[in-house]
């Protein structure tokens, strides 16, 4: 079995994966970065050190799955986005490990971006039609609306201030939840037995392609300080606001581009509650948009999409005879 090995070392997760020639994930291992209770993340220097400590453990988690595999190429996310000056120190750890493996095995090394990896991970399984589509990347570091044509990603809009994952984490931590707070805040929201009142207003601009989320955090933090609203209701209102905002962003992007399909990726997109609310809202509004999500385990930060990109690049080089 021939595979490509992928590395991704983000601000949240140390991860590695391997993909075979059919685009199937045959090995997958990841570890969240350790964050102390009450904190909302790590400094870059702390995260780099954590990745260095965790990568051997992550790789050991794939040993058995790869014992009979031939690694023919290695790929790493070397930057956050496909922009000239896009850079974060954390990605140097994954890229460094990728260099060592590729040089040791004398195989090609490919580089991609963390964002490209998220989009590629969302496409694993081949459920989307083969046509241009809109993608919304929702995470702690990104809330961006993209037009995807092949490997080309064009920025259409997104959040003008706070990212979706930041909103979830800040509200979750303020409620006493551990960072990252997404899964725990979702559980709180799903435990709410009352009627969601949509108390948080959606704030959009630039033809609906950009949103504002900082005002949402301010209001939710006020509710927490006042103590008059239960944590479950606050969580439910935050998820309701996110679903309404995402629906508006996708509708505006599809109208602008003429796309009929939308892919929602990133850690926030792994939420079952958000997925259900979004599909229900778009159906209720009769928006003719086919919304797709990646497998939940490949939605949060991971190296599966990075490995898939590496295999695609390897096969293209083989076809050209390089």
C-alpha atoms as a PDB file:
ATOM      1  CA  UNK A   1       0.000   0.000   0.000  1.00  0.00           C
ATOM      2  CA  UNK A   2       1.426   3.349  -1.082  1.00  0.00           C
ATOM      3  CA  UNK A   3       0.557   6.349   1.064  1.00  0.00           C
ATOM      4  CA  UNK A   4       1.380  10.007   1.582  1.00  0.00           C
ATOM      5  CA  UNK A   5       2.033  11.214   5.105  1.00  0.00           C
ATOM      6  CA  UNK A   6       0.563  14.542   6.229  1.00  0.00           C
ATOM      7  CA  UNK A   7       1.497  16.833   9.139  1.00  0.00           C
ATOM      8  CA  UNK A   8      -0.510  19.717  10.617  1.00  0.00           C
ATOM      9  CA  UNK A   9       0.544  21.624  13.744  1.00  0.00           C
ATOM     10  CA  UNK A  10      -2.036  24.333  14.392  1.00  0.00           C
ATOM     11  CA  UNK A  11      -2.800  26.582  17.346  1.00  0.00           C
ATOM     12  CA  UNK A  12      -5.105  23.878  18.694  1.00  0.00           C
ATOM     13  CA  UNK A  13      -3.904  20.429  17.618  1.00  0.00           C
ATOM     14  CA  UNK A  14      -0.875  18.266  16.813  1.00  0.00           C
ATOM     15  CA  UNK A  15      -1.884  15.870  14.038  1.00  0.00           C
ATOM     16  CA  UNK A  16      -0.630  13.435  11.422  1.00  0.00           C
ATOM     17  CA  UNK A  17      -2.417  11.265   8.882  1.00  0.00           C
ATOM     18  CA  UNK A  18      -1.799   8.999   5.909  1.00  0.00           C
ATOM     19  CA  UNK A  19      -3.875   8.706   2.730  1.00  0.00           C
ATOM     20  CA  UNK A  20      -3.674   5.969   0.083  1.00  0.00           C
ATOM     21  CA  UNK A  21      -3.897   6.304  -3.691  1.00  0.00           C
ATOM     22  CA  UNK A  22      -7.705   6.044  -3.592  1.00  0.00           C
ATOM     23  CA  UNK A  23      -7.887   9.075  -1.307  1.00  0.00           C
ATOM     24  CA  UNK A  24      -8.829   6.994   1.729  1.00  0.00           C
ATOM     25  CA  UNK A  25      -7.509   7.876   5.179  1.00  0.00           C
ATOM     26  CA  UNK A  26      -5.639   4.777   6.385  1.00  0.00           C
ATOM     27  CA  UNK A  27      -4.001   6.266   9.481  1.00  0.00           C
ATOM     28  CA  UNK A  28      -5.021   9.203  11.637  1.00  0.00           C
ATOM     29  CA  UNK A  29      -3.733  10.528  14.957  1.00  0.00           C
ATOM     30  CA  UNK A  30      -4.180  13.837  16.758  1.00  0.00           C
ATOM     31  CA  UNK A  31      -3.724  15.456  20.174  1.00  0.00           C
ATOM     32  CA  UNK A  32      -5.151  18.718  21.461  1.00  0.00           C
ATOM     33  CA  UNK A  33      -2.616  21.161  22.833  1.00  0.00           C
ATOM     34  CA  UNK A  34      -2.749  21.328  26.658  1.00  0.00           C
ATOM     35  CA  UNK A  35      -4.426  24.494  27.957  1.00  0.00           C
ATOM     36  CA  UNK A  36      -4.883  25.245  31.657  1.00  0.00           C
ATOM     37  CA  UNK A  37      -8.398  25.662  33.041  1.00  0.00           C
ATOM     38  CA  UNK A  38      -9.603  29.241  32.640  1.00  0.00           C
ATOM     39  CA  UNK A  39      -7.164  30.063  29.850  1.00  0.00           C
ATOM     40  CA  UNK A  40      -8.259  30.780  26.266  1.00  0.00           C
ATOM     41  CA  UNK A  41      -5.310  29.328  24.395  1.00  0.00           C
ATOM     42  CA  UNK A  42      -1.518  29.253  24.286  1.00  0.00           C
ATOM     43  CA  UNK A  43       1.127  31.731  23.219  1.00  0.00           C
ATOM     44  CA  UNK A  44       2.890  30.720  20.017  1.00  0.00           C
ATOM     45  CA  UNK A  45       6.093  29.832  21.892  1.00  0.00           C
ATOM     46  CA  UNK A  46       4.132  27.575  24.272  1.00  0.00           C
ATOM     47  CA  UNK A  47       2.279  25.936  21.407  1.00  0.00           C
ATOM     48  CA  UNK A  48       5.516  25.263  19.492  1.00  0.00           C
ATOM     49  CA  UNK A  49       7.008  23.543  22.546  1.00  0.00           C
ATOM     50  CA  UNK A  50       3.835  21.480  23.029  1.00  0.00           C
ATOM     51  CA  UNK A  51       3.945  20.319  19.399  1.00  0.00           C
ATOM     52  CA  UNK A  52       7.578  19.249  19.771  1.00  0.00           C
ATOM     53  CA  UNK A  53       6.645  17.142  22.815  1.00  0.00           C
ATOM     54  CA  UNK A  54       3.470  15.691  21.309  1.00  0.00           C
ATOM     55  CA  UNK A  55       4.516  14.814  17.754  1.00  0.00           C
ATOM     56  CA  UNK A  56       6.368  11.604  18.752  1.00  0.00           C
ATOM     57  CA  UNK A  57       3.243  10.454  20.620  1.00  0.00           C
ATOM     58  CA  UNK A  58       1.041  11.290  17.633  1.00  0.00           C
ATOM     59  CA  UNK A  59       3.328   9.392  15.247  1.00  0.00           C
ATOM     60  CA  UNK A  60       3.417   6.393  17.591  1.00  0.00           C
ATOM     61  CA  UNK A  61      -0.368   6.302  17.324  1.00  0.00           C
ATOM     62  CA  UNK A  62      -0.066   5.487  13.599  1.00  0.00           C
ATOM     63  CA  UNK A  63       2.692   2.883  13.858  1.00  0.00           C
ATOM     64  CA  UNK A  64       0.476  -0.187  13.570  1.00  0.00           C
ATOM     65  CA  UNK A  65      -1.613   1.179  10.672  1.00  0.00           C
ATOM     66  CA  UNK A  66       1.506   2.015   8.660  1.00  0.00           C
ATOM     67  CA  UNK A  67       3.626  -1.088   9.316  1.00  0.00           C
ATOM     68  CA  UNK A  68       2.995  -2.466   5.799  1.00  0.00           C
ATOM     69  CA  UNK A  69       2.738   0.899   4.021  1.00  0.00           C
ATOM     70  CA  UNK A  70       5.186   2.486   1.591  1.00  0.00           C
ATOM     71  CA  UNK A  71       5.408   6.238   2.207  1.00  0.00           C
ATOM     72  CA  UNK A  72       5.863   7.745  -1.271  1.00  0.00           C
ATOM     73  CA  UNK A  73       5.523  11.437  -0.347  1.00  0.00           C
ATOM     74  CA  UNK A  74       5.136  13.770   2.605  1.00  0.00           C
ATOM     75  CA  UNK A  75       3.021  16.925   2.873  1.00  0.00           C
ATOM     76  CA  UNK A  76       2.793  19.583   5.581  1.00  0.00           C
ATOM     77  CA  UNK A  77       0.755  22.712   6.210  1.00  0.00           C
ATOM     78  CA  UNK A  78       3.433  25.397   6.365  1.00  0.00           C
ATOM     79  CA  UNK A  79       1.221  28.461   6.840  1.00  0.00           C
ATOM     80  CA  UNK A  80      -2.336  29.412   7.829  1.00  0.00           C
ATOM     81  CA  UNK A  81      -3.594  30.565   4.407  1.00  0.00           C
ATOM     82  CA  UNK A  82      -2.579  30.838   0.763  1.00  0.00           C
ATOM     83  CA  UNK A  83      -1.285  34.364   1.111  1.00  0.00           C
ATOM     84  CA  UNK A  84       2.216  35.684   0.527  1.00  0.00           C
ATOM     85  CA  UNK A  85       2.824  36.891   4.088  1.00  0.00           C
ATOM     86  CA  UNK A  86       0.757  34.279   5.897  1.00  0.00           C
ATOM     87  CA  UNK A  87       2.829  32.872   8.778  1.00  0.00           C
ATOM     88  CA  UNK A  88       2.573  31.389  12.258  1.00  0.00           C
ATOM     89  CA  UNK A  89       5.462  29.779  14.162  1.00  0.00           C
ATOM     90  CA  UNK A  90       3.415  26.700  15.115  1.00  0.00           C
ATOM     91  CA  UNK A  91       3.424  25.419  11.537  1.00  0.00           C
ATOM     92  CA  UNK A  92       7.221  25.220  11.468  1.00  0.00           C
ATOM     93  CA  UNK A  93       7.056  22.169  13.754  1.00  0.00           C
ATOM     94  CA  UNK A  94       4.998  20.077  11.345  1.00  0.00           C
ATOM     95  CA  UNK A  95       7.023  21.307   8.386  1.00  0.00           C
ATOM     96  CA  UNK A  96      10.274  20.428  10.179  1.00  0.00           C
ATOM     97  CA  UNK A  97       9.124  16.877  10.895  1.00  0.00           C
ATOM     98  CA  UNK A  98       7.958  16.542   7.308  1.00  0.00           C
ATOM     99  CA  UNK A  99      11.408  17.573   6.065  1.00  0.00           C
ATOM    100  CA  UNK A 100      13.108  14.966   8.240  1.00  0.00           C
ATOM    101  CA  UNK A 101      10.833  12.142   7.077  1.00  0.00           C
ATOM    102  CA  UNK A 102      11.015  13.135   3.403  1.00  0.00           C
ATOM    103  CA  UNK A 103      14.810  13.484   3.459  1.00  0.00           C
ATOM    104  CA  UNK A 104      15.267  10.202   5.324  1.00  0.00           C
ATOM    105  CA  UNK A 105      13.057   8.266   2.905  1.00  0.00           C
ATOM    106  CA  UNK A 106      14.217  10.253  -0.145  1.00  0.00           C
ATOM    107  CA  UNK A 107      10.642  11.039  -1.197  1.00  0.00           C
ATOM    108  CA  UNK A 108       9.032  14.295  -2.374  1.00  0.00           C
ATOM    109  CA  UNK A 109       7.986  16.938   0.145  1.00  0.00           C
ATOM    110  CA  UNK A 110       4.967  19.095  -0.624  1.00  0.00           C
ATOM    111  CA  UNK A 111       3.699  22.156   1.221  1.00  0.00           C
ATOM    112  CA  UNK A 112       0.166  23.462   1.525  1.00  0.00           C
ATOM    113  CA  UNK A 113      -1.790  25.770   3.832  1.00  0.00           C
ATOM    114  CA  UNK A 114      -3.819  24.911   6.911  1.00  0.00           C
ATOM    115  CA  UNK A 115      -6.901  26.335   5.201  1.00  0.00           C
ATOM    116  CA  UNK A 116      -6.399  24.235   2.065  1.00  0.00           C
ATOM    117  CA  UNK A 117      -6.096  21.239   4.376  1.00  0.00           C
ATOM    118  CA  UNK A 118      -9.464  22.004   5.982  1.00  0.00           C
ATOM    119  CA  UNK A 119     -11.192  22.264   2.605  1.00  0.00           C
ATOM    120  CA  UNK A 120      -9.561  19.036   1.396  1.00  0.00           C
ATOM    121  CA  UNK A 121     -10.582  17.251   4.608  1.00  0.00           C
ATOM    122  CA  UNK A 122     -14.171  18.347   4.041  1.00  0.00           C
ATOM    123  CA  UNK A 123     -14.080  16.724   0.608  1.00  0.00           C
ATOM    124  CA  UNK A 124     -12.891  13.320   1.833  1.00  0.00           C
ATOM    125  CA  UNK A 125     -15.514  10.768   0.875  1.00  0.00           C
ATOM    126  CA  UNK A 126     -16.418  12.489  -2.413  1.00  0.00           C
ATOM    127  CA  UNK A 127     -19.947  13.549  -1.563  1.00  0.00           C
ATOM    128  CA  UNK A 128     -19.802  16.931  -3.300  1.00  0.00           C
ATOM    129  CA  UNK A 129     -20.416  17.423  -7.044  1.00  0.00           C
ATOM    130  CA  UNK A 130     -17.329  18.182  -9.137  1.00  0.00           C
ATOM    131  CA  UNK A 131     -18.002  21.879  -9.697  1.00  0.00           C
ATOM    132  CA  UNK A 132     -16.982  25.240  -8.171  1.00  0.00           C
ATOM    133  CA  UNK A 133     -18.401  25.764  -4.708  1.00  0.00           C
ATOM    134  CA  UNK A 134     -18.503  28.146  -1.758  1.00  0.00           C
ATOM    135  CA  UNK A 135     -16.653  27.173   1.412  1.00  0.00           C
ATOM    136  CA  UNK A 136     -16.995  28.682   4.865  1.00  0.00           C
ATOM    137  CA  UNK A 137     -14.042  28.031   7.187  1.00  0.00           C
ATOM    138  CA  UNK A 138     -15.199  28.337  10.800  1.00  0.00           C
ATOM    139  CA  UNK A 139     -12.542  27.947  13.473  1.00  0.00           C
ATOM    140  CA  UNK A 140     -10.856  29.677  16.381  1.00  0.00           C
ATOM    141  CA  UNK A 141      -8.497  31.527  14.071  1.00  0.00           C
ATOM    142  CA  UNK A 142     -10.611  31.897  10.943  1.00  0.00           C
ATOM    143  CA  UNK A 143     -14.088  32.814   9.830  1.00  0.00           C
ATOM    144  CA  UNK A 144     -13.663  33.182   6.089  1.00  0.00           C
ATOM    145  CA  UNK A 145     -15.965  32.826   3.122  1.00  0.00           C
ATOM    146  CA  UNK A 146     -14.220  31.367   0.059  1.00  0.00           C
ATOM    147  CA  UNK A 147     -14.933  30.660  -3.590  1.00  0.00           C
ATOM    148  CA  UNK A 148     -13.283  27.345  -4.500  1.00  0.00           C
ATOM    149  CA  UNK A 149     -12.349  26.496  -8.077  1.00  0.00           C
ATOM    150  CA  UNK A 150     -10.026  23.509  -8.171  1.00  0.00           C
ATOM    151  CA  UNK A 151      -7.057  24.408  -5.958  1.00  0.00           C
ATOM    152  CA  UNK A 152      -7.758  28.139  -6.185  1.00  0.00           C
ATOM    153  CA  UNK A 153      -9.348  29.754  -3.126  1.00  0.00           C
ATOM    154  CA  UNK A 154     -10.685  33.302  -3.505  1.00  0.00           C
ATOM    155  CA  UNK A 155     -11.642  35.231  -0.388  1.00  0.00           C
ATOM    156  CA  UNK A 156     -15.200  36.585  -0.563  1.00  0.00           C
ATOM    157  CA  UNK A 157     -15.753  37.770   2.989  1.00  0.00           C
ATOM    158  CA  UNK A 158     -16.100  36.539   6.547  1.00  0.00           C
ATOM    159  CA  UNK A 159     -15.955  38.046  10.005  1.00  0.00           C
ATOM    160  CA  UNK A 160     -14.809  41.642  10.316  1.00  0.00           C
ATOM    161  CA  UNK A 161     -13.778  41.168  13.948  1.00  0.00           C
ATOM    162  CA  UNK A 162     -14.163  38.083  16.150  1.00  0.00           C
ATOM    163  CA  UNK A 163     -13.932  34.569  14.700  1.00  0.00           C
ATOM    164  CA  UNK A 164     -16.685  32.011  15.295  1.00  0.00           C
ATOM    165  CA  UNK A 165     -14.407  29.728  17.295  1.00  0.00           C
ATOM    166  CA  UNK A 166     -13.183  32.645  19.406  1.00  0.00           C
ATOM    167  CA  UNK A 167     -16.779  33.525  20.247  1.00  0.00           C
ATOM    168  CA  UNK A 168     -17.550  29.955  21.299  1.00  0.00           C
ATOM    169  CA  UNK A 169     -14.355  29.605  23.328  1.00  0.00           C
ATOM    170  CA  UNK A 170     -14.638  32.974  25.091  1.00  0.00           C
ATOM    171  CA  UNK A 171     -18.236  32.381  26.124  1.00  0.00           C
ATOM    172  CA  UNK A 172     -17.468  28.797  27.113  1.00  0.00           C
ATOM    173  CA  UNK A 173     -14.465  29.731  29.252  1.00  0.00           C
ATOM    174  CA  UNK A 174     -16.471  32.549  30.887  1.00  0.00           C
ATOM    175  CA  UNK A 175     -19.046  29.890  31.812  1.00  0.00           C
ATOM    176  CA  UNK A 176     -16.323  27.789  33.433  1.00  0.00           C
ATOM    177  CA  UNK A 177     -15.790  25.317  30.591  1.00  0.00           C
ATOM    178  CA  UNK A 178     -12.393  24.009  29.513  1.00  0.00           C
ATOM    179  CA  UNK A 179     -10.657  25.327  26.391  1.00  0.00           C
ATOM    180  CA  UNK A 180     -11.390  24.598  23.586  1.00  0.00           C
ATOM    181  CA  UNK A 181     -14.990  24.969  24.670  1.00  0.00           C
ATOM    182  CA  UNK A 182     -16.951  24.012  21.539  1.00  0.00           C
ATOM    183  CA  UNK A 183     -18.115  20.471  22.470  1.00  0.00           C
ATOM    184  CA  UNK A 184     -18.937  21.455  26.063  1.00  0.00           C
ATOM    185  CA  UNK A 185     -20.840  24.581  25.037  1.00  0.00           C
ATOM    186  CA  UNK A 186     -22.775  22.510  22.509  1.00  0.00           C
ATOM    187  CA  UNK A 187     -23.794  20.072  25.257  1.00  0.00           C
ATOM    188  CA  UNK A 188     -25.053  22.988  27.343  1.00  0.00           C
ATOM    189  CA  UNK A 189     -27.043  24.333  24.393  1.00  0.00           C
ATOM    190  CA  UNK A 190     -28.597  20.935  23.681  1.00  0.00           C
ATOM    191  CA  UNK A 191     -29.569  20.608  27.356  1.00  0.00           C
ATOM    192  CA  UNK A 192     -31.673  23.785  27.222  1.00  0.00           C
ATOM    193  CA  UNK A 193     -35.351  22.815  27.385  1.00  0.00           C
ATOM    194  CA  UNK A 194     -36.848  26.240  26.797  1.00  0.00           C
ATOM    195  CA  UNK A 195     -37.651  28.131  23.616  1.00  0.00           C
ATOM    196  CA  UNK A 196     -34.726  29.850  21.921  1.00  0.00           C
ATOM    197  CA  UNK A 197     -35.757  33.480  21.475  1.00  0.00           C
ATOM    198  CA  UNK A 198     -33.080  34.677  19.019  1.00  0.00           C
ATOM    199  CA  UNK A 199     -32.078  37.431  21.427  1.00  0.00           C
ATOM    200  CA  UNK A 200     -28.727  38.066  19.728  1.00  0.00           C
ATOM    201  CA  UNK A 201     -29.077  40.154  16.533  1.00  0.00           C
ATOM    202  CA  UNK A 202     -27.221  39.187  13.358  1.00  0.00           C
ATOM    203  CA  UNK A 203     -24.864  41.929  12.180  1.00  0.00           C
ATOM    204  CA  UNK A 204     -23.964  41.881   8.472  1.00  0.00           C
ATOM    205  CA  UNK A 205     -22.372  44.275   5.982  1.00  0.00           C
ATOM    206  CA  UNK A 206     -20.990  44.416   2.416  1.00  0.00           C
ATOM    207  CA  UNK A 207     -23.911  42.685   0.679  1.00  0.00           C
ATOM    208  CA  UNK A 208     -24.123  40.061   3.400  1.00  0.00           C
ATOM    209  CA  UNK A 209     -20.607  38.726   2.778  1.00  0.00           C
ATOM    210  CA  UNK A 210     -19.184  40.024   6.065  1.00  0.00           C
ATOM    211  CA  UNK A 211     -20.397  39.670   9.619  1.00  0.00           C
ATOM    212  CA  UNK A 212     -19.611  41.081  13.068  1.00  0.00           C
ATOM    213  CA  UNK A 213     -19.435  38.836  16.139  1.00  0.00           C
ATOM    214  CA  UNK A 214     -17.751  41.017  18.780  1.00  0.00           C
ATOM    215  CA  UNK A 215     -21.067  42.583  19.779  1.00  0.00           C
ATOM    216  CA  UNK A 216     -22.457  39.096  20.362  1.00  0.00           C
ATOM    217  CA  UNK A 217     -19.648  38.337  22.804  1.00  0.00           C
ATOM    218  CA  UNK A 218     -20.243  41.627  24.648  1.00  0.00           C
ATOM    219  CA  UNK A 219     -23.935  40.857  25.129  1.00  0.00           C
ATOM    220  CA  UNK A 220     -23.365  37.225  26.144  1.00  0.00           C
ATOM    221  CA  UNK A 221     -20.671  38.243  28.626  1.00  0.00           C
ATOM    222  CA  UNK A 222     -23.164  40.722  30.093  1.00  0.00           C
ATOM    223  CA  UNK A 223     -25.699  37.921  30.563  1.00  0.00           C
ATOM    224  CA  UNK A 224     -23.061  35.839  32.355  1.00  0.00           C
ATOM    225  CA  UNK A 225     -22.151  38.690  34.722  1.00  0.00           C
ATOM    226  CA  UNK A 226     -25.792  39.457  35.513  1.00  0.00           C
ATOM    227  CA  UNK A 227     -26.500  35.813  36.345  1.00  0.00           C
ATOM    228  CA  UNK A 228     -30.183  36.090  35.374  1.00  0.00           C
ATOM    229  CA  UNK A 229     -29.958  33.640  32.458  1.00  0.00           C
ATOM    230  CA  UNK A 230     -28.965  29.984  32.773  1.00  0.00           C
ATOM    231  CA  UNK A 231     -25.736  28.779  31.117  1.00  0.00           C
ATOM    232  CA  UNK A 232     -27.858  26.432  29.001  1.00  0.00           C
ATOM    233  CA  UNK A 233     -29.948  29.290  27.597  1.00  0.00           C
ATOM    234  CA  UNK A 234     -26.880  31.451  26.908  1.00  0.00           C
ATOM    235  CA  UNK A 235     -25.250  28.569  25.026  1.00  0.00           C
ATOM    236  CA  UNK A 236     -28.452  27.927  23.059  1.00  0.00           C
ATOM    237  CA  UNK A 237     -28.738  31.593  22.075  1.00  0.00           C
ATOM    238  CA  UNK A 238     -25.075  31.657  20.914  1.00  0.00           C
ATOM    239  CA  UNK A 239     -25.539  28.608  18.675  1.00  0.00           C
ATOM    240  CA  UNK A 240     -28.793  30.047  17.325  1.00  0.00           C
ATOM    241  CA  UNK A 241     -26.965  33.268  16.434  1.00  0.00           C
ATOM    242  CA  UNK A 242     -24.174  31.343  14.713  1.00  0.00           C
ATOM    243  CA  UNK A 243     -26.614  29.334  12.591  1.00  0.00           C
ATOM    244  CA  UNK A 244     -28.452  32.481  11.490  1.00  0.00           C
ATOM    245  CA  UNK A 245     -25.178  34.223  10.654  1.00  0.00           C
ATOM    246  CA  UNK A 246     -23.779  31.267   8.712  1.00  0.00           C
ATOM    247  CA  UNK A 247     -27.015  30.915   6.740  1.00  0.00           C
ATOM    248  CA  UNK A 248     -26.829  34.591   5.724  1.00  0.00           C
ATOM    249  CA  UNK A 249     -23.160  34.298   4.720  1.00  0.00           C
ATOM    250  CA  UNK A 250     -23.720  31.198   2.576  1.00  0.00           C
ATOM    251  CA  UNK A 251     -26.793  32.652   0.885  1.00  0.00           C
ATOM    252  CA  UNK A 252     -24.948  35.869   0.001  1.00  0.00           C
ATOM    253  CA  UNK A 253     -21.887  34.011  -1.289  1.00  0.00           C
ATOM    254  CA  UNK A 254     -23.901  31.646  -3.479  1.00  0.00           C
ATOM    255  CA  UNK A 255     -25.884  34.559  -4.891  1.00  0.00           C
ATOM    256  CA  UNK A 256     -22.672  36.440  -5.721  1.00  0.00           C
ATOM    257  CA  UNK A 257     -20.846  33.493  -7.302  1.00  0.00           C
ATOM    258  CA  UNK A 258     -23.720  31.542  -8.795  1.00  0.00           C
ATOM    259  CA  UNK A 259     -22.599  28.425  -6.934  1.00  0.00           C
ATOM    260  CA  UNK A 260     -25.184  25.844  -5.972  1.00  0.00           C
ATOM    261  CA  UNK A 261     -23.094  24.000  -3.371  1.00  0.00           C
ATOM    262  CA  UNK A 262     -21.528  25.095  -0.091  1.00  0.00           C
ATOM    263  CA  UNK A 263     -19.025  23.320   2.126  1.00  0.00           C
ATOM    264  CA  UNK A 264     -18.723  24.241   5.801  1.00  0.00           C
ATOM    265  CA  UNK A 265     -15.412  23.238   7.421  1.00  0.00           C
ATOM    266  CA  UNK A 266     -13.342  23.926  10.527  1.00  0.00           C
ATOM    267  CA  UNK A 267     -13.641  23.017  14.178  1.00  0.00           C
ATOM    268  CA  UNK A 268     -16.892  24.917  14.731  1.00  0.00           C
ATOM    269  CA  UNK A 269     -18.409  23.023  11.783  1.00  0.00           C
ATOM    270  CA  UNK A 270     -17.993  19.724  13.659  1.00  0.00           C
ATOM    271  CA  UNK A 271     -20.941  20.713  15.855  1.00  0.00           C
ATOM    272  CA  UNK A 272     -23.942  18.456  15.246  1.00  0.00           C
ATOM    273  CA  UNK A 273     -26.231  21.129  16.657  1.00  0.00           C
ATOM    274  CA  UNK A 274     -24.936  23.836  14.338  1.00  0.00           C
ATOM    275  CA  UNK A 275     -25.225  21.540  11.315  1.00  0.00           C
ATOM    276  CA  UNK A 276     -28.803  20.638  12.151  1.00  0.00           C
ATOM    277  CA  UNK A 277     -29.826  24.242  12.790  1.00  0.00           C
ATOM    278  CA  UNK A 278     -28.179  25.477   9.605  1.00  0.00           C
ATOM    279  CA  UNK A 279     -29.822  22.905   7.328  1.00  0.00           C
ATOM    280  CA  UNK A 280     -33.209  23.524   8.950  1.00  0.00           C
ATOM    281  CA  UNK A 281     -32.853  27.287   8.577  1.00  0.00           C
ATOM    282  CA  UNK A 282     -31.844  27.146   4.905  1.00  0.00           C
ATOM    283  CA  UNK A 283     -34.718  24.767   4.137  1.00  0.00           C
ATOM    284  CA  UNK A 284     -37.145  27.039   5.966  1.00  0.00           C
ATOM    285  CA  UNK A 285     -35.906  30.028   3.964  1.00  0.00           C
ATOM    286  CA  UNK A 286     -36.172  27.924   0.790  1.00  0.00           C
ATOM    287  CA  UNK A 287     -32.599  28.684  -0.169  1.00  0.00           C
ATOM    288  CA  UNK A 288     -31.633  26.412  -3.047  1.00  0.00           C
ATOM    289  CA  UNK A 289     -28.224  25.651  -1.609  1.00  0.00           C
ATOM    290  CA  UNK A 290     -26.879  22.140  -1.137  1.00  0.00           C
ATOM    291  CA  UNK A 291     -24.845  22.316   2.093  1.00  0.00           C
ATOM    292  CA  UNK A 292     -22.143  19.744   2.747  1.00  0.00           C
ATOM    293  CA  UNK A 293     -20.055  19.016   5.817  1.00  0.00           C
ATOM    294  CA  UNK A 294     -16.980  16.887   6.216  1.00  0.00           C
ATOM    295  CA  UNK A 295     -16.915  13.931   8.559  1.00  0.00           C
ATOM    296  CA  UNK A 296     -16.948  15.316  12.131  1.00  0.00           C
ATOM    297  CA  UNK A 297     -13.594  13.720  13.012  1.00  0.00           C
ATOM    298  CA  UNK A 298     -11.995  15.514  10.046  1.00  0.00           C
ATOM    299  CA  UNK A 299     -13.703  18.861  10.707  1.00  0.00           C
ATOM    300  CA  UNK A 300     -11.606  20.030  13.650  1.00  0.00           C
ATOM    301  CA  UNK A 301      -7.918  20.726  13.009  1.00  0.00           C
ATOM    302  CA  UNK A 302      -6.366  17.606  11.480  1.00  0.00           C
ATOM    303  CA  UNK A 303      -3.809  16.378   8.953  1.00  0.00           C
ATOM    304  CA  UNK A 304      -6.144  14.208   6.858  1.00  0.00           C
ATOM    305  CA  UNK A 305      -6.763  16.923   4.279  1.00  0.00           C
ATOM    306  CA  UNK A 306      -3.059  17.779   4.184  1.00  0.00           C
ATOM    307  CA  UNK A 307      -2.218  14.134   3.444  1.00  0.00           C
ATOM    308  CA  UNK A 308      -4.926  14.038   0.750  1.00  0.00           C
ATOM    309  CA  UNK A 309      -3.415  17.117  -0.909  1.00  0.00           C
ATOM    310  CA  UNK A 310      -0.001  15.443  -0.783  1.00  0.00           C
ATOM    311  CA  UNK A 311      -1.302  12.324  -2.528  1.00  0.00           C
ATOM    312  CA  UNK A 312      -2.998  14.408  -5.204  1.00  0.00           C
ATOM    313  CA  UNK A 313       0.227  16.313  -5.880  1.00  0.00           C
ATOM    314  CA  UNK A 314       2.229  13.076  -5.925  1.00  0.00           C
ATOM    315  CA  UNK A 315      -0.114  11.416  -8.428  1.00  0.00           C
ATOM    316  CA  UNK A 316      -0.018  14.502 -10.645  1.00  0.00           C
ATOM    317  CA  UNK A 317       3.777  14.417 -10.679  1.00  0.00           C
ATOM    318  CA  UNK A 318       3.735  10.704 -11.485  1.00  0.00           C
ATOM    319  CA  UNK A 319       1.331  11.318 -14.372  1.00  0.00           C
ATOM    320  CA  UNK A 320       3.717  13.959 -15.754  1.00  0.00           C
ATOM    321  CA  UNK A 321       6.607  11.532 -15.437  1.00  0.00           C
ATOM    322  CA  UNK A 322       8.533  13.621 -12.926  1.00  0.00           C
END
